[in-house]
Amino acid sequence: MGKETRYSPEVQERAVRLVVEQRSEHESQWATISAVASKIGCSAEALRRWVRQAERDRGERPGLTTDERARLKELERENRELRKANEILRLASAYFAQAELDRKQK
């Protein structure tokens, strides 16, 4: 269960674009982010996270891109399902092996 996003991807992209475009008008990136965040109506921290993720997606910052994050999440989910299936099969195998041993002894 993921958390709901309050802002659409279009709004997020526009806000990030505004930060990039207005960077030269402010003394720091944080000042730019704060100014744009107040115009958009989101928190500066949320906008900072969007900017950082956009920088990773463009290869300007180390870390996982959005696509890599989605793929990793998918692989982790698949891994969890496979571990559950293996545990079920292991328990079923042990149960039937014990039943076979019990049957031979009678």
Protein backbone atom coordinates (compact mmCIF):
# COMPACT_ATOMS: atom_id res chain seq x y z
CA MET A 1 0.00 0.00 0.00
CA GLY A 2 1.62 3.20 -1.18
CA LYS A 3 0.83 6.57 0.18
CA GLU A 4 -1.42 8.84 -1.83
CA THR A 5 0.21 11.68 -3.68
CA ARG A 6 -1.50 14.98 -3.30
CA TYR A 7 -0.02 16.45 -6.46
CA SER A 8 -0.33 15.05 -9.95
CA PRO A 9 2.81 14.10 -11.87
CA GLU A 10 2.15 17.06 -14.18
CA VAL A 11 2.21 19.50 -11.27
CA GLN A 12 5.38 17.89 -9.94
CA GLU A 13 7.09 18.12 -13.34
CA ARG A 14 6.04 21.75 -13.71
CA ALA A 15 7.35 22.62 -10.25
CA VAL A 16 10.70 20.94 -10.95
CA ARG A 17 10.92 22.75 -14.28
CA LEU A 18 10.27 26.07 -12.53
CA VAL A 19 13.08 25.35 -10.06
CA VAL A 20 15.49 24.66 -12.93
CA GLU A 21 14.38 27.74 -14.87
CA GLN A 22 14.50 30.12 -11.89
CA ARG A 23 17.75 28.84 -10.37
CA SER A 24 19.78 31.81 -11.63
CA GLU A 25 17.37 34.28 -9.99
CA HIS A 26 18.13 33.07 -6.44
CA GLU A 27 21.26 32.74 -4.34
CA SER A 28 20.90 28.97 -3.74
CA GLN A 29 18.89 26.01 -4.90
CA TRP A 30 17.09 25.92 -1.55
CA ALA A 31 16.02 29.56 -1.96
CA THR A 32 14.70 28.70 -5.42
CA ILE A 33 12.87 25.64 -4.09
CA SER A 34 11.33 27.65 -1.24
CA ALA A 35 10.13 30.37 -3.62
CA VAL A 36 8.63 27.93 -6.12
CA ALA A 37 7.06 25.81 -3.36
CA SER A 38 5.19 28.81 -1.99
CA LYS A 39 3.85 29.56 -5.49
CA ILE A 40 2.81 25.95 -6.15
CA GLY A 41 1.32 25.45 -2.69
CA CYS A 42 3.42 22.45 -1.65
CA SER A 43 6.00 22.11 1.07
CA ALA A 44 9.58 23.00 0.26
CA GLU A 45 10.71 19.57 1.44
CA ALA A 46 8.35 17.80 -0.97
CA LEU A 47 9.59 19.94 -3.84
CA ARG A 48 13.20 19.30 -2.81
CA ARG A 49 12.57 15.53 -3.00
CA TRP A 50 10.99 15.94 -6.46
CA VAL A 51 13.98 17.98 -7.64
CA ARG A 52 16.45 15.41 -6.27
CA GLN A 53 14.60 12.56 -7.99
CA ALA A 54 14.51 14.50 -11.28
CA GLU A 55 18.27 15.05 -10.97
CA ARG A 56 18.78 11.30 -10.45
CA ASP A 57 16.57 10.56 -13.46
CA ARG A 58 18.68 12.89 -15.60
CA GLY A 59 21.91 11.31 -14.35
CA GLU A 60 23.05 14.48 -12.55
CA ARG A 61 23.00 12.85 -9.11
CA PRO A 62 23.92 9.33 -7.99
CA GLY A 63 21.13 7.01 -6.93
CA LEU A 64 18.28 4.98 -8.35
CA THR A 65 16.21 6.46 -11.14
CA THR A 66 12.42 6.28 -11.04
CA ASP A 67 12.44 3.32 -13.45
CA GLU A 68 15.09 1.51 -11.41
CA ARG A 69 13.10 2.09 -8.23
CA ALA A 70 9.97 0.65 -9.84
CA ARG A 71 11.90 -2.38 -11.11
CA LEU A 72 13.49 -2.95 -7.70
CA LYS A 73 10.09 -2.76 -6.01
CA GLU A 74 8.69 -5.27 -8.51
CA LEU A 75 11.61 -7.66 -7.95
CA GLU A 76 11.28 -7.39 -4.16
CA ARG A 77 7.56 -8.22 -4.41
CA GLU A 78 8.31 -11.19 -6.67
CA ASN A 79 11.02 -12.35 -4.26
CA ARG A 80 8.57 -12.22 -1.33
CA GLU A 81 6.02 -14.27 -3.28
CA LEU A 82 8.63 -16.88 -4.26
CA ARG A 83 9.84 -17.18 -0.66
CA LYS A 84 6.25 -17.77 0.49
CA ALA A 85 5.70 -20.38 -2.23
CA ASN A 86 8.96 -22.14 -1.31
CA GLU A 87 7.97 -22.20 2.37
CA ILE A 88 4.57 -23.69 1.49
CA LEU A 89 6.19 -26.33 -0.73
CA ARG A 90 8.77 -27.16 1.96
CA LEU A 91 6.05 -27.63 4.59
CA ALA A 92 3.89 -29.68 2.23
CA SER A 93 6.86 -31.88 1.32
CA ALA A 94 7.65 -32.48 5.00
CA TYR A 95 3.99 -33.27 5.72
CA PHE A 96 3.69 -35.80 2.91
CA ALA A 97 7.09 -37.33 3.69
CA GLN A 98 5.98 -37.86 7.30
CA ALA A 99 2.68 -39.34 6.10
CA GLU A 100 4.59 -41.77 3.87
CA LEU A 101 6.84 -42.82 6.76
CA ASP A 102 3.83 -43.34 9.03
CA ARG A 103 2.08 -45.46 6.41
CA LYS A 104 5.05 -47.79 5.88
CA GLN A 105 5.42 -48.50 9.59
CA LYS A 106 1.89 -49.85 10.05
